[in-house]
Amino acid sequence: MKNRYMICYSIVTEESAEQGDYAESGIIGEPDSLYFALRELFETRTSAVDGMQDISASWHNGRLTIYVENGMEYKTGDYESRSLHRHNITRASAARIARAAGVTLN
């Protein structure tokens, strides 16, 4: 069985923020390779004014999560965030993937 990485996204608009909810959210896919998973994690749906705002990684009970929040999209004012999830992974492997993403594992 190949390793699979789930990539999720959420988009917040001004209107959805007023409602305290996302305008859109879902799963982008489950890439088999780490290379494609990281590419999907950092690829944005829109072009952001401020670029990537925040990136963090955490490991807990065999689950790795890397979270990326992108800056505001200059045309619409939308914010997009993405997260990579990998289950059943050792802390050492999670730390290597976090380093590949350019962040230290918390």
Protein backbone atom coordinates (compact mmCIF):
# COMPACT_ATOMS: atom_id res chain seq x y z
CA MET A 1 0.00 0.00 0.00
CA LYS A 2 1.33 3.42 -0.97
CA ASN A 3 1.51 6.32 1.42
CA ARG A 4 -1.40 8.69 0.96
CA TYR A 5 -1.59 12.33 2.00
CA MET A 6 -4.94 14.06 2.34
CA ILE A 7 -5.00 17.72 1.29
CA CYS A 8 -7.93 19.81 2.55
CA TYR A 9 -8.78 23.45 1.89
CA SER A 10 -11.08 26.15 3.22
CA ILE A 11 -11.91 29.60 1.86
CA VAL A 12 -13.20 32.48 3.95
CA THR A 13 -14.87 35.49 2.34
CA GLU A 14 -16.00 38.69 3.99
CA GLU A 15 -19.59 37.44 3.94
CA SER A 16 -18.77 34.00 5.36
CA ALA A 17 -16.63 35.56 8.10
CA GLU A 18 -19.65 37.59 9.21
CA GLN A 19 -21.56 34.29 9.48
CA GLY A 20 -18.64 32.65 11.33
CA ASP A 21 -18.28 29.97 8.65
CA TYR A 22 -16.34 29.03 5.51
CA ALA A 23 -17.56 30.04 2.08
CA GLU A 24 -16.14 26.80 0.71
CA SER A 25 -14.23 23.82 2.07
CA GLY A 26 -13.37 20.31 1.03
CA ILE A 27 -10.73 17.82 0.00
CA ILE A 28 -8.41 18.62 -2.90
CA GLY A 29 -7.21 15.05 -3.17
CA GLU A 30 -5.14 12.24 -1.76
CA PRO A 31 -1.80 12.23 -3.61
CA ASP A 32 0.37 9.11 -3.35
CA SER A 33 3.72 10.88 -3.40
CA LEU A 34 5.04 13.39 -0.91
CA TYR A 35 6.28 15.62 -3.77
CA PHE A 36 2.78 15.99 -5.22
CA ALA A 37 1.24 16.36 -1.79
CA LEU A 38 3.55 19.26 -0.90
CA ARG A 39 2.94 20.87 -4.30
CA GLU A 40 -0.83 20.72 -3.71
CA LEU A 41 -0.38 22.07 -0.18
CA PHE A 42 1.46 25.18 -1.33
CA GLU A 43 -0.37 25.79 -4.62
CA THR A 44 -3.02 28.45 -4.12
CA ARG A 45 -6.32 28.74 -5.92
CA THR A 46 -5.84 32.48 -6.25
CA SER A 47 -2.93 34.90 -6.25
CA ALA A 48 -2.44 36.35 -2.79
CA VAL A 49 -1.31 39.89 -2.01
CA ASP A 50 0.68 38.96 1.06
CA GLY A 51 1.75 35.46 0.01
CA MET A 52 1.93 32.73 2.60
CA GLN A 53 1.06 34.11 6.01
CA ASP A 54 1.58 31.17 8.31
CA ILE A 55 2.77 27.58 8.22
CA SER A 56 2.84 25.12 11.09
CA ALA A 57 3.22 21.39 11.62
CA SER A 58 2.07 19.15 14.42
CA TRP A 59 2.22 15.46 15.24
CA HIS A 60 -0.07 13.76 17.74
CA ASN A 61 -0.83 10.07 18.23
CA GLY A 62 0.57 9.06 14.85
CA ARG A 63 -1.10 11.89 12.90
CA LEU A 64 0.81 14.59 11.04
CA THR A 65 -0.88 17.88 10.13
CA ILE A 66 0.81 20.70 8.22
CA TYR A 67 -1.32 23.85 8.03
CA VAL A 68 -0.74 26.72 5.58
CA GLU A 69 -2.68 29.98 5.67
CA ASN A 70 -2.36 32.13 2.57
CA GLY A 71 -2.69 35.88 2.35
CA MET A 72 -5.66 37.80 1.04
CA GLU A 73 -6.46 37.41 -2.66
CA TYR A 74 -6.17 40.90 -4.07
CA LYS A 75 -9.22 40.81 -6.40
CA THR A 76 -11.83 39.31 -4.06
CA GLY A 77 -10.49 39.68 -0.53
CA ASP A 78 -10.82 35.92 0.05
CA TYR A 79 -8.46 33.99 2.33
CA GLU A 80 -7.53 30.39 1.61
CA SER A 81 -5.98 27.86 3.94
CA ARG A 82 -4.79 24.35 3.18
CA SER A 83 -3.74 21.44 5.33
CA LEU A 84 -1.90 18.20 4.69
CA HIS A 85 -2.82 15.17 6.77
CA ARG A 86 -0.96 11.87 7.10
CA HIS A 87 -2.10 9.13 9.49
CA ASN A 88 -0.13 6.22 10.98
CA ILE A 89 3.24 7.94 10.81
CA THR A 90 6.13 7.95 13.25
CA ARG A 91 7.29 11.19 14.82
CA ALA A 92 10.68 10.88 13.05
CA SER A 93 9.02 10.51 9.62
CA ALA A 94 6.64 13.37 10.43
CA ALA A 95 9.63 15.57 11.33
CA ARG A 96 11.31 14.76 7.98
CA ILE A 97 8.17 15.70 6.06
CA ALA A 98 7.80 18.91 8.08
CA ARG A 99 11.42 19.83 7.24
CA ALA A 100 10.69 19.18 3.54
CA ALA A 101 7.82 21.65 3.88
CA GLY A 102 10.18 24.18 5.48
CA VAL A 103 8.84 24.09 9.01
CA THR A 104 9.81 22.57 12.36
CA LEU A 105 7.48 19.97 13.85
CA ASN A 106 5.77 21.11 17.07
